[in-house]
Amino acid sequence: MAMWTAVRQLYRLYYANVFILNICHPEVFGVAKDIEAVATK
C-alpha cells in the first residue's frame, strides 16, 4: 500500500509540473505534441 501512495504522489507532482509548464511555457507543450504526432504516424 505504501508503494501506491508514493506512485500517486509522483503522478500528482508530474501533473502539477505539466500544468505549470503549460501556463508558463506553452511552446514546450506544443513541441511535445508535435513529437507525439510524428511518433504516432
PDB file of N, CA and C in Angstrom:
ATOM      1  N   MET A   1       0.838  -1.216   0.000  1.00  0.00           N
ATOM      2  CA  MET A   1       0.000   0.000   0.000  1.00  0.00           C
ATOM      3  C   MET A   1       0.875   1.269   0.000  1.00  0.00           C
ATOM      4  N   ALA A   2       1.988   1.205   0.711  1.00  0.00           N
ATOM      5  CA  ALA A   2       2.868   2.382   0.783  1.00  0.00           C
ATOM      6  C   ALA A   2       3.400   2.760  -0.601  1.00  0.00           C
ATOM      7  N   MET A   3       3.667   1.725  -1.407  1.00  0.00           N
ATOM      8  CA  MET A   3       4.163   1.989  -2.757  1.00  0.00           C
ATOM      9  C   MET A   3       3.132   2.753  -3.574  1.00  0.00           C
ATOM     10  N   TRP A   4       1.862   2.373  -3.424  1.00  0.00           N
ATOM     11  CA  TRP A   4       0.808   3.041  -4.190  1.00  0.00           C
ATOM     12  C   TRP A   4       0.703   4.516  -3.849  1.00  0.00           C
ATOM     13  N   THR A   5       0.841   4.849  -2.564  1.00  0.00           N
ATOM     14  CA  THR A   5       0.764   6.260  -2.177  1.00  0.00           C
ATOM     15  C   THR A   5       1.943   7.034  -2.768  1.00  0.00           C
ATOM     16  N   ALA A   6       3.117   6.405  -2.811  1.00  0.00           N
ATOM     17  CA  ALA A   6       4.292   7.043  -3.412  1.00  0.00           C
ATOM     18  C   ALA A   6       4.067   7.283  -4.902  1.00  0.00           C
ATOM     19  N   VAL A   7       3.504   6.273  -5.578  1.00  0.00           N
ATOM     20  CA  VAL A   7       3.211   6.401  -7.006  1.00  0.00           C
ATOM     21  C   VAL A   7       2.206   7.521  -7.237  1.00  0.00           C
ATOM     22  N   ARG A   8       1.203   7.573  -6.383  1.00  0.00           N
ATOM     23  CA  ARG A   8       0.175   8.605  -6.504  1.00  0.00           C
ATOM     24  C   ARG A   8       0.778  10.001  -6.335  1.00  0.00           C
ATOM     25  N   GLN A   9       1.705  10.130  -5.394  1.00  0.00           N
ATOM     26  CA  GLN A   9       2.360  11.417  -5.173  1.00  0.00           C
ATOM     27  C   GLN A   9       3.217  11.810  -6.373  1.00  0.00           C
ATOM     28  N   LEU A  10       3.881  10.815  -6.978  1.00  0.00           N
ATOM     29  CA  LEU A  10       4.682  11.082  -8.173  1.00  0.00           C
ATOM     30  C   LEU A  10       3.804  11.575  -9.315  1.00  0.00           C
ATOM     31  N   TYR A  11       2.663  10.921  -9.493  1.00  0.00           N
ATOM     32  CA  TYR A  11       1.721  11.346 -10.536  1.00  0.00           C
ATOM     33  C   TYR A  11       1.248  12.768 -10.287  1.00  0.00           C
ATOM     34  N   ARG A  12       0.967  13.070  -9.017  1.00  0.00           N
ATOM     35  CA  ARG A  12       0.492  14.407  -8.671  1.00  0.00           C
ATOM     36  C   ARG A  12       1.555  15.445  -9.011  1.00  0.00           C
ATOM     37  N   LEU A  13       2.808  15.135  -8.682  1.00  0.00           N
ATOM     38  CA  LEU A  13       3.918  16.036  -8.995  1.00  0.00           C
ATOM     39  C   LEU A  13       4.055  16.217 -10.497  1.00  0.00           C
ATOM     40  N   TYR A  14       3.980  15.102 -11.235  1.00  0.00           N
ATOM     41  CA  TYR A  14       4.118  15.140 -12.683  1.00  0.00           C
ATOM     42  C   TYR A  14       3.039  16.024 -13.314  1.00  0.00           C
ATOM     43  N   TYR A  15       1.789  15.804 -12.911  1.00  0.00           N
ATOM     44  CA  TYR A  15       0.702  16.584 -13.497  1.00  0.00           C
ATOM     45  C   TYR A  15       0.770  18.052 -13.097  1.00  0.00           C
ATOM     46  N   ALA A  16       1.226  18.330 -11.881  1.00  0.00           N
ATOM     47  CA  ALA A  16       1.402  19.723 -11.447  1.00  0.00           C
ATOM     48  C   ALA A  16       2.450  20.413 -12.317  1.00  0.00           C
ATOM     49  N   ASN A  17       3.564  19.701 -12.593  1.00  0.00           N
ATOM     50  CA  ASN A  17       4.619  20.261 -13.438  1.00  0.00           C
ATOM     51  C   ASN A  17       4.131  20.498 -14.864  1.00  0.00           C
ATOM     52  N   VAL A  18       3.381  19.558 -15.406  1.00  0.00           N
ATOM     53  CA  VAL A  18       2.824  19.698 -16.759  1.00  0.00           C
ATOM     54  C   VAL A  18       1.893  20.907 -16.808  1.00  0.00           C
ATOM     55  N   PHE A  19       1.066  21.049 -15.776  1.00  0.00           N
ATOM     56  CA  PHE A  19       0.123  22.163 -15.701  1.00  0.00           C
ATOM     57  C   PHE A  19       0.854  23.498 -15.672  1.00  0.00           C
ATOM     58  N   ILE A  20       1.906  23.586 -14.837  1.00  0.00           N
ATOM     59  CA  ILE A  20       2.695  24.820 -14.722  1.00  0.00           C
ATOM     60  C   ILE A  20       3.411  25.115 -16.041  1.00  0.00           C
ATOM     61  N   LEU A  21       4.001  24.079 -16.656  1.00  0.00           N
ATOM     62  CA  LEU A  21       4.687  24.260 -17.931  1.00  0.00           C
ATOM     63  C   LEU A  21       3.721  24.752 -19.003  1.00  0.00           C
ATOM     64  N   ASN A  22       2.513  24.199 -18.989  1.00  0.00           N
ATOM     65  CA  ASN A  22       1.512  24.566 -19.985  1.00  0.00           C
ATOM     66  C   ASN A  22       1.172  26.045 -19.889  1.00  0.00           C
ATOM     67  N   ILE A  23       1.183  26.589 -18.667  1.00  0.00           N
ATOM     68  CA  ILE A  23       0.870  28.004 -18.467  1.00  0.00           C
ATOM     69  C   ILE A  23       2.087  28.885 -18.764  1.00  0.00           C
ATOM     70  N   CYS A  24       3.248  28.499 -18.214  1.00  0.00           N
ATOM     71  CA  CYS A  24       4.447  29.334 -18.326  1.00  0.00           C
ATOM     72  C   CYS A  24       5.158  29.192 -19.669  1.00  0.00           C
ATOM     73  N   HIS A  25       5.184  27.962 -20.184  1.00  0.00           N
ATOM     74  CA  HIS A  25       5.915  27.699 -21.425  1.00  0.00           C
ATOM     75  C   HIS A  25       5.066  26.860 -22.380  1.00  0.00           C
ATOM     76  N   PRO A  26       4.001  27.426 -22.938  1.00  0.00           N
ATOM     77  CA  PRO A  26       3.136  26.657 -23.843  1.00  0.00           C
ATOM     78  C   PRO A  26       3.879  26.158 -25.082  1.00  0.00           C
ATOM     79  N   GLU A  27       4.968  26.829 -25.448  1.00  0.00           N
ATOM     80  CA  GLU A  27       5.722  26.391 -26.634  1.00  0.00           C
ATOM     81  C   GLU A  27       6.358  25.017 -26.399  1.00  0.00           C
ATOM     82  N   VAL A  28       6.735  24.742 -25.150  1.00  0.00           N
ATOM     83  CA  VAL A  28       7.289  23.426 -24.816  1.00  0.00           C
ATOM     84  C   VAL A  28       6.223  22.353 -25.037  1.00  0.00           C
ATOM     85  N   PHE A  29       4.997  22.684 -24.610  1.00  0.00           N
ATOM     86  CA  PHE A  29       3.887  21.751 -24.783  1.00  0.00           C
ATOM     87  C   PHE A  29       3.593  21.517 -26.255  1.00  0.00           C
ATOM     88  N   GLY A  30       3.680  22.575 -27.051  1.00  0.00           N
ATOM     89  CA  GLY A  30       3.451  22.466 -28.486  1.00  0.00           C
ATOM     90  C   GLY A  30       4.476  21.563 -29.146  1.00  0.00           C
ATOM     91  N   VAL A  31       5.738  21.689 -28.744  1.00  0.00           N
ATOM     92  CA  VAL A  31       6.800  20.839 -29.287  1.00  0.00           C
ATOM     93  C   VAL A  31       6.539  19.385 -28.914  1.00  0.00           C
ATOM     94  N   ALA A  32       6.128  19.158 -27.666  1.00  0.00           N
ATOM     95  CA  ALA A  32       5.835  17.796 -27.209  1.00  0.00           C
ATOM     96  C   ALA A  32       4.709  17.182 -28.034  1.00  0.00           C
ATOM     97  N   LYS A  33       3.700  17.981 -28.335  1.00  0.00           N
ATOM     98  CA  LYS A  33       2.575  17.495 -29.146  1.00  0.00           C
ATOM     99  C   LYS A  33       3.026  17.175 -30.567  1.00  0.00           C
ATOM    100  N   ASP A  34       3.929  17.999 -31.104  1.00  0.00           N
ATOM    101  CA  ASP A  34       4.463  17.744 -32.446  1.00  0.00           C
ATOM    102  C   ASP A  34       5.226  16.422 -32.479  1.00  0.00           C
ATOM    103  N   ILE A  35       6.053  16.197 -31.463  1.00  0.00           N
ATOM    104  CA  ILE A  35       6.831  14.950 -31.379  1.00  0.00           C
ATOM    105  C   ILE A  35       5.871  13.765 -31.276  1.00  0.00           C
ATOM    106  N   GLU A  36       4.832  13.932 -30.454  1.00  0.00           N
ATOM    107  CA  GLU A  36       3.842  12.867 -30.275  1.00  0.00           C
ATOM    108  C   GLU A  36       3.138  12.570 -31.594  1.00  0.00           C
ATOM    109  N   ALA A  37       2.807  13.610 -32.343  1.00  0.00           N
ATOM    110  CA  ALA A  37       2.133  13.439 -33.626  1.00  0.00           C
ATOM    111  C   ALA A  37       3.029  12.685 -34.616  1.00  0.00           C
ATOM    112  N   VAL A  38       4.306  13.022 -34.626  1.00  0.00           N
ATOM    113  CA  VAL A  38       5.256  12.348 -35.517  1.00  0.00           C
ATOM    114  C   VAL A  38       5.438  10.897 -35.087  1.00  0.00           C
ATOM    115  N   ALA A  39       5.504  10.672 -33.775  1.00  0.00           N
ATOM    116  CA  ALA A  39       5.731   9.323 -33.240  1.00  0.00           C
ATOM    117  C   ALA A  39       4.555   8.391 -33.528  1.00  0.00           C
ATOM    118  N   THR A  40       3.329   8.961 -33.507  1.00  0.00           N
ATOM    119  CA  THR A  40       2.144   8.112 -33.697  1.00  0.00           C
ATOM    120  C   THR A  40       1.882   7.800 -35.171  1.00  0.00           C
ATOM    121  N   LYS A  41       2.485   8.582 -36.085  1.00  0.00           N
ATOM    122  CA  LYS A  41       2.247   8.349 -37.518  1.00  0.00           C
ATOM    123  C   LYS A  41       2.965   7.107 -38.030  1.00  0.00           C
TER     124      LYS A  41
END
